[in-house]
Amino acid sequence: MRLAALSGVLALAVLAVAAWVAWWVQAPLALRLQPGATVLDLKVATGSSAQRAVRDAVAAGVDEPLWLMQGALRLSGQAAQIKAGSYELPPGITPLQLLDKLVRGDQAVRSVTLVEGWTFVQMHLAIQKAEHLTPDTQAQGTENIMKSIGRPGQHPEGRFFPDTYVYPKGSSDLDVWRQAATAMDRKLAEAWAGRDANLPLKSPDEALILASIIEKETGSAADRKLVAGVFVNRLRLGMRLQTDPTVAYGAGPDFDGRLRRKHLDTDTPYNTYTRAGLPPTPIAAPGWASLQAAVHPAATRALYFVAKGDGASQFSESLAEHNQAVRRYILKQP
């Protein structure tokens, strides 16, 4: 009789514990948030065991007994499926929801956008300001940044594809640089592989340089391939490109945005008024449309173009026509 009574008590106790656990796994976790924080940040390092992940969660601010968290994890049967990464735990999250987040790898991500036509300096500033991105390159010079991403000795200009890059919260900024560099490699290789025959371009690097000039010369999608056609015609004839954006780039950081006669007369490796051919490096980051224009230029006889003031350009086959267009659109003469 006593044994039966004891067994009954034990059964009731087990049922009570089971009921309490069933309630607990669906109840909001107690979180210790930092002052001003709206979520609790949890970092699960690569190679961490499930038990280590639970310890990290408790250390980060999940205010629940360690033994209870670990026991619930073992009972779930999903301990081996937890994924490394950066996670955000909002107030009200339950143990079941936390487990689901870790198993799915539902990381907290942020993004940074690199804009077409930006220089390396502009991209660097944007990445430094990106939200929750560890600034590992902040104190590094350009050469060290390129070395750190496995490209020692490579000039950085134009080597990073303009796009929006998503990264886990707390990632190193080097990860974004690597993503952007790999993307440009892939896009450039694709464009070069499908290039038109008989282009006056000897390598993918030359295509990248030309694309960067096209990117800076026009904001009009309709004119992009025509601009490319003018430059390709000039390269074929051995004419100087005479493009202002390369001159501005060669003037360096002191350039105030206004191109003057002294800039055009000062010889630099990027002054396409004083030197023939392409400049030694890209002058900005071209987008896909400009890469395509560089390898698929319009079939045109034009050798000149001038901005019309509305984003588009006027194209001319002769110098006389060009001078007339300059008087009309630049000098505002009838």
Protein backbone atom coordinates (compact mmCIF):
# COMPACT_ATOMS: atom_id res chain seq x y z
CA MET A 1 0.00 0.00 0.00
CA ARG A 2 2.80 2.36 0.95
CA LEU A 3 4.69 1.42 -2.23
CA ALA A 4 1.65 2.12 -4.36
CA ALA A 5 1.15 5.46 -2.64
CA LEU A 6 4.82 6.36 -3.13
CA SER A 7 4.62 5.42 -6.78
CA GLY A 8 1.57 7.59 -7.18
CA VAL A 9 3.33 10.52 -5.56
CA LEU A 10 6.32 10.04 -7.84
CA ALA A 11 4.10 9.85 -10.89
CA LEU A 12 2.38 13.06 -9.88
CA ALA A 13 5.75 14.70 -9.33
CA VAL A 14 6.97 13.62 -12.75
CA LEU A 15 3.78 14.92 -14.34
CA ALA A 16 4.15 18.20 -12.48
CA VAL A 17 7.77 18.59 -13.61
CA ALA A 18 6.84 17.70 -17.18
CA ALA A 19 3.99 20.20 -17.12
CA TRP A 20 6.29 22.87 -15.71
CA VAL A 21 8.95 22.20 -18.39
CA ALA A 22 6.26 22.30 -21.08
CA TRP A 23 5.18 25.67 -19.72
CA TRP A 24 8.77 26.96 -19.38
CA VAL A 25 9.85 26.21 -22.95
CA GLN A 26 6.98 28.38 -24.21
CA ALA A 27 7.34 31.17 -21.67
CA PRO A 28 9.43 34.31 -22.37
CA LEU A 29 13.07 33.99 -21.36
CA ALA A 30 14.41 36.39 -18.75
CA LEU A 31 16.92 38.65 -20.48
CA ARG A 32 19.39 41.11 -18.99
CA LEU A 33 19.58 43.88 -21.58
CA GLN A 34 22.28 46.52 -21.62
CA PRO A 35 21.08 50.08 -20.91
CA GLY A 36 19.45 51.46 -24.04
CA ALA A 37 19.52 48.11 -25.84
CA THR A 38 16.38 46.71 -27.43
CA VAL A 39 17.76 43.21 -28.09
CA LEU A 40 20.28 40.86 -26.52
CA ASP A 41 23.25 40.04 -28.75
CA LEU A 42 24.44 36.44 -28.80
CA LYS A 43 27.54 35.27 -30.62
CA VAL A 44 27.92 31.54 -31.28
CA ALA A 45 31.51 30.99 -32.37
CA THR A 46 32.39 28.63 -35.19
CA GLY A 47 33.13 25.17 -33.81
CA SER A 48 31.24 25.76 -30.56
CA SER A 49 29.50 22.78 -29.01
CA ALA A 50 25.84 23.05 -28.10
CA GLN A 51 26.79 23.14 -24.42
CA ARG A 52 29.21 25.97 -25.10
CA ALA A 53 26.51 27.84 -27.00
CA VAL A 54 24.22 27.59 -23.95
CA ARG A 55 26.97 28.85 -21.65
CA ASP A 56 27.57 31.77 -24.02
CA ALA A 57 23.86 32.57 -24.01
CA VAL A 58 23.74 32.65 -20.22
CA ALA A 59 26.92 34.75 -20.11
CA ALA A 60 25.46 37.16 -22.68
CA GLY A 61 22.41 37.84 -20.53
CA VAL A 62 19.91 34.98 -20.76
CA ASP A 63 18.96 34.99 -17.09
CA GLU A 64 17.94 31.34 -16.78
CA PRO A 65 19.60 28.42 -14.93
CA LEU A 66 22.40 26.90 -16.98
CA TRP A 67 21.37 23.35 -16.07
CA LEU A 68 17.82 24.01 -17.22
CA MET A 69 18.93 25.46 -20.55
CA GLN A 70 21.31 22.58 -21.19
CA GLY A 71 18.75 19.97 -20.13
CA ALA A 72 16.10 21.41 -22.44
CA LEU A 73 18.60 21.41 -25.29
CA ARG A 74 19.45 17.75 -24.78
CA LEU A 75 15.78 16.78 -24.60
CA SER A 76 15.09 18.61 -27.88
CA GLY A 77 17.34 16.24 -29.82
CA GLN A 78 18.58 19.19 -31.93
CA ALA A 79 21.80 20.00 -30.13
CA ALA A 80 23.97 18.94 -33.06
CA GLN A 81 22.08 21.21 -35.47
CA ILE A 82 22.91 24.55 -33.81
CA LYS A 83 24.71 26.89 -36.21
CA ALA A 84 27.42 29.42 -35.48
CA GLY A 85 26.72 33.08 -36.06
CA SER A 86 25.50 36.37 -34.62
CA TYR A 87 21.97 36.41 -33.22
CA GLU A 88 19.60 38.98 -31.76
CA LEU A 89 17.28 37.89 -28.94
CA PRO A 90 14.30 40.23 -28.58
CA PRO A 91 12.35 40.55 -25.33
CA GLY A 92 9.61 37.93 -25.19
CA ILE A 93 11.56 35.24 -27.03
CA THR A 94 10.88 31.75 -25.66
CA PRO A 95 13.30 28.82 -25.30
CA LEU A 96 11.61 27.07 -28.22
CA GLN A 97 11.93 30.17 -30.39
CA LEU A 98 15.57 30.58 -29.42
CA LEU A 99 16.30 26.97 -30.30
CA ASP A 100 14.52 27.37 -33.64
CA LYS A 101 16.54 30.51 -34.39
CA LEU A 102 19.84 28.75 -33.64
CA VAL A 103 18.95 25.64 -35.63
CA ARG A 104 17.81 27.63 -38.67
CA GLY A 105 20.83 29.92 -38.48
CA ASP A 106 18.53 32.94 -38.43
CA GLN A 107 21.32 35.41 -37.87
CA ALA A 108 21.09 39.13 -37.24
CA VAL A 109 22.31 40.77 -40.43
CA ARG A 110 23.03 44.29 -41.60
CA SER A 111 23.96 45.68 -45.00
CA VAL A 112 26.11 48.33 -46.62
CA THR A 113 25.69 49.74 -50.12
CA LEU A 114 28.62 50.63 -52.35
CA VAL A 115 27.50 52.98 -55.13
CA GLU A 116 28.40 52.84 -58.81
CA GLY A 117 31.04 55.43 -59.64
CA TRP A 118 32.42 55.63 -56.14
CA THR A 119 36.17 55.74 -55.60
CA PHE A 120 37.96 53.47 -53.16
CA VAL A 121 38.12 56.35 -50.67
CA GLN A 122 34.34 56.82 -50.80
CA MET A 123 33.78 53.08 -50.37
CA HIS A 124 36.16 53.01 -47.43
CA LEU A 125 34.24 55.80 -45.69
CA ALA A 126 30.92 54.00 -46.23
CA ILE A 127 32.26 50.74 -44.85
CA GLN A 128 33.75 52.50 -41.83
CA LYS A 129 30.32 53.99 -41.08
CA ALA A 130 28.39 50.76 -41.67
CA GLU A 131 26.22 49.59 -38.78
CA HIS A 132 27.60 46.85 -36.52
CA LEU A 133 30.61 46.17 -38.74
CA THR A 134 33.90 45.72 -36.89
CA PRO A 135 36.36 48.30 -38.30
CA ASP A 136 39.42 46.09 -38.55
CA THR A 137 40.83 48.16 -41.42
CA GLN A 138 40.31 51.54 -39.77
CA ALA A 139 43.97 51.95 -38.87
CA GLN A 140 45.28 50.20 -41.98
CA GLY A 141 46.64 51.88 -45.06
CA THR A 142 45.45 50.93 -48.53
CA GLU A 143 48.32 48.53 -49.16
CA ASN A 144 47.64 46.63 -45.94
CA ILE A 145 43.94 46.37 -46.73
CA MET A 146 44.69 44.81 -50.08
CA LYS A 147 47.22 42.49 -48.46
CA SER A 148 44.73 41.49 -45.77
CA ILE A 149 42.19 40.35 -48.37
CA GLY A 150 44.79 38.36 -50.27
CA ARG A 151 45.63 40.88 -53.00
CA PRO A 152 49.07 42.25 -52.13
CA GLY A 153 50.38 44.83 -54.56
CA GLN A 154 47.07 45.30 -56.40
CA HIS A 155 45.84 48.86 -56.85
CA PRO A 156 42.45 49.11 -55.08
CA GLU A 157 40.66 51.51 -57.40
CA GLY A 158 37.81 49.90 -59.29
CA ARG A 159 38.45 46.46 -57.80
CA PHE A 160 35.28 46.33 -55.70
CA PHE A 161 31.91 45.79 -57.33
CA PRO A 162 29.25 48.37 -56.39
CA ASP A 163 26.32 46.56 -54.81
CA THR A 164 24.54 46.03 -51.49
CA TYR A 165 26.39 43.58 -49.26
CA VAL A 166 24.75 41.74 -46.38
CA TYR A 167 26.82 40.61 -43.40
CA PRO A 168 26.17 39.08 -39.98
CA LYS A 169 26.10 41.63 -37.18
CA GLY A 170 29.57 42.13 -35.74
CA SER A 171 31.43 40.88 -38.83
CA SER A 172 34.85 42.22 -39.76
CA ASP A 173 34.86 44.90 -42.44
CA LEU A 174 37.42 42.73 -44.22
CA ASP A 175 34.58 40.31 -44.96
CA VAL A 176 32.75 43.02 -46.93
CA TRP A 177 35.90 43.99 -48.81
CA ARG A 178 36.42 40.33 -49.76
CA GLN A 179 32.80 39.99 -50.91
CA ALA A 180 33.04 43.10 -53.09
CA ALA A 181 36.40 42.13 -54.58
CA THR A 182 35.22 38.63 -55.41
CA ALA A 183 32.06 40.04 -56.99
CA MET A 184 34.10 42.35 -59.23
CA ASP A 185 36.37 39.47 -60.27
CA ARG A 186 33.32 37.44 -61.24
CA LYS A 187 31.55 40.28 -63.09
CA LEU A 188 34.69 41.34 -64.95
CA ALA A 189 35.48 37.77 -66.00
CA GLU A 190 31.90 37.34 -67.26
CA ALA A 191 31.98 40.59 -69.22
CA TRP A 192 35.39 39.88 -70.73
CA ALA A 193 34.42 36.35 -71.76
CA GLY A 194 31.48 37.70 -73.77
CA ARG A 195 33.28 40.72 -75.28
CA ASP A 196 32.92 41.84 -78.87
CA ALA A 197 35.59 40.78 -81.31
CA ASN A 198 38.38 43.16 -82.39
CA LEU A 199 38.18 45.53 -79.44
CA PRO A 200 41.30 47.67 -78.92
CA LEU A 201 41.58 46.25 -75.41
CA LYS A 202 44.33 43.80 -74.51
CA SER A 203 43.10 42.47 -71.16
CA PRO A 204 40.25 42.41 -68.65
CA ASP A 205 42.09 45.10 -66.70
CA GLU A 206 41.91 47.45 -69.67
CA ALA A 207 38.20 46.73 -69.97
CA LEU A 208 37.82 47.60 -66.28
CA ILE A 209 39.70 50.87 -66.75
CA LEU A 210 37.56 51.84 -69.72
CA ALA A 211 34.38 50.87 -67.86
CA SER A 212 35.37 53.14 -64.96
CA ILE A 213 35.75 56.08 -67.33
CA ILE A 214 32.38 55.34 -68.94
CA GLU A 215 30.82 55.18 -65.47
CA LYS A 216 32.10 58.66 -64.61
CA GLU A 217 31.35 60.22 -68.01
CA THR A 218 27.60 59.72 -68.18
CA GLY A 219 24.58 59.26 -65.99
CA SER A 220 22.40 58.47 -68.96
CA ALA A 221 21.79 54.78 -69.56
CA ALA A 222 20.84 55.52 -73.17
CA ASP A 223 24.22 57.18 -73.85
CA ARG A 224 26.46 54.69 -72.09
CA LYS A 225 27.31 52.49 -75.08
CA LEU A 226 27.68 55.52 -77.34
CA VAL A 227 30.21 56.99 -74.93
CA ALA A 228 32.01 53.67 -75.00
CA GLY A 229 31.90 53.77 -78.81
CA VAL A 230 33.58 57.18 -78.89
CA PHE A 231 36.40 56.03 -76.63
CA VAL A 232 36.89 52.79 -78.58
CA ASN A 233 37.07 54.78 -81.83
CA ARG A 234 39.68 57.06 -80.33
CA LEU A 235 41.74 54.14 -79.05
CA ARG A 236 41.67 52.54 -82.49
CA LEU A 237 42.86 55.76 -84.14
CA GLY A 238 45.48 56.52 -81.50
CA MET A 239 43.67 59.72 -80.48
CA ARG A 240 43.93 60.91 -76.92
CA LEU A 241 40.81 60.18 -74.92
CA GLN A 242 40.64 63.73 -73.50
CA THR A 243 38.20 62.79 -70.77
CA ASP A 244 37.81 65.14 -67.82
CA PRO A 245 37.12 62.53 -65.10
CA THR A 246 40.58 61.00 -65.49
CA VAL A 247 42.17 64.44 -65.16
CA ALA A 248 40.15 65.14 -62.02
CA TYR A 249 41.17 61.79 -60.56
CA GLY A 250 44.84 62.47 -61.30
CA ALA A 251 44.63 65.86 -59.57
CA GLY A 252 44.32 63.96 -56.29
CA PRO A 253 42.58 64.76 -53.01
CA ASP A 254 43.06 68.52 -53.41
CA PHE A 255 40.67 68.58 -56.38
CA ASP A 256 37.69 70.73 -55.32
CA GLY A 257 35.24 69.55 -57.96
CA ARG A 258 35.97 72.28 -60.48
CA LEU A 259 38.20 71.42 -63.43
CA ARG A 260 40.50 74.30 -64.38
CA ARG A 261 42.95 74.95 -67.18
CA LYS A 262 45.87 74.22 -64.87
CA HIS A 263 44.51 70.70 -64.34
CA LEU A 264 44.28 70.08 -68.08
CA ASP A 265 47.82 71.39 -68.60
CA THR A 266 49.44 69.49 -65.71
CA ASP A 267 50.79 66.17 -66.87
CA THR A 268 49.94 63.18 -64.67
CA PRO A 269 49.59 59.47 -65.49
CA TYR A 270 45.82 60.10 -65.54
CA ASN A 271 45.81 63.20 -67.75
CA THR A 272 44.29 61.89 -70.97
CA TYR A 273 44.76 65.30 -72.56
CA THR A 274 48.55 65.05 -72.31
CA ARG A 275 48.90 61.26 -72.64
CA ALA A 276 47.58 58.79 -75.17
CA GLY A 277 45.82 55.55 -74.33
CA LEU A 278 44.14 54.44 -71.12
CA PRO A 279 45.25 55.65 -67.69
CA PRO A 280 47.21 53.14 -65.57
CA THR A 281 44.29 52.11 -63.30
CA PRO A 282 40.54 52.51 -63.06
CA ILE A 283 39.35 55.83 -61.67
CA ALA A 284 36.22 54.52 -59.90
CA ALA A 285 34.08 51.42 -59.47
CA PRO A 286 32.03 50.68 -62.59
CA GLY A 287 28.69 48.95 -62.39
CA TRP A 288 27.56 46.07 -64.58
CA ALA A 289 26.06 48.35 -67.25
CA SER A 290 29.36 50.18 -67.70
CA LEU A 291 31.30 46.92 -67.84
CA GLN A 292 28.93 45.74 -70.55
CA ALA A 293 29.29 49.01 -72.45
CA ALA A 294 33.08 48.71 -72.39
CA VAL A 295 33.00 45.29 -74.06
CA HIS A 296 29.92 45.95 -76.25
CA PRO A 297 30.34 49.55 -77.42
CA ALA A 298 27.88 51.07 -79.86
CA ALA A 299 28.82 50.96 -83.53
CA THR A 300 29.24 54.68 -84.19
CA ARG A 301 31.45 57.01 -86.18
CA ALA A 302 31.35 59.64 -83.44
CA LEU A 303 34.66 60.86 -82.03
CA TYR A 304 33.36 63.58 -79.75
CA PHE A 305 30.60 64.21 -77.25
CA VAL A 306 29.59 67.03 -74.96
CA ALA A 307 27.16 67.15 -72.04
CA LYS A 308 23.85 68.76 -72.91
CA GLY A 309 23.06 69.71 -69.33
CA ASP A 310 20.19 67.27 -68.85
CA GLY A 311 22.29 64.19 -68.17
CA ALA A 312 22.52 63.24 -71.84
CA SER A 313 25.26 64.03 -74.37
CA GLN A 314 25.48 65.36 -77.91
CA PHE A 315 27.67 63.16 -80.13
CA SER A 316 29.60 64.43 -83.14
CA GLU A 317 31.63 62.83 -85.90
CA SER A 318 33.75 65.88 -86.74
CA LEU A 319 35.54 68.54 -84.75
CA ALA A 320 33.50 71.25 -86.47
CA GLU A 321 30.25 69.60 -85.33
CA HIS A 322 31.67 69.19 -81.85
CA ASN A 323 32.68 72.84 -81.60
CA GLN A 324 29.19 73.83 -82.64
CA ALA A 325 27.75 71.59 -79.92
CA VAL A 326 30.11 73.12 -77.35
CA ARG A 327 28.95 76.62 -78.30
CA ARG A 328 25.33 75.56 -77.98
CA TYR A 329 25.41 73.50 -74.79
CA ILE A 330 28.41 74.84 -72.87
CA LEU A 331 28.77 78.44 -73.97
CA LYS A 332 25.00 78.85 -74.50
CA GLN A 333 25.51 80.58 -77.81
CA PRO A 334 22.98 80.28 -80.66
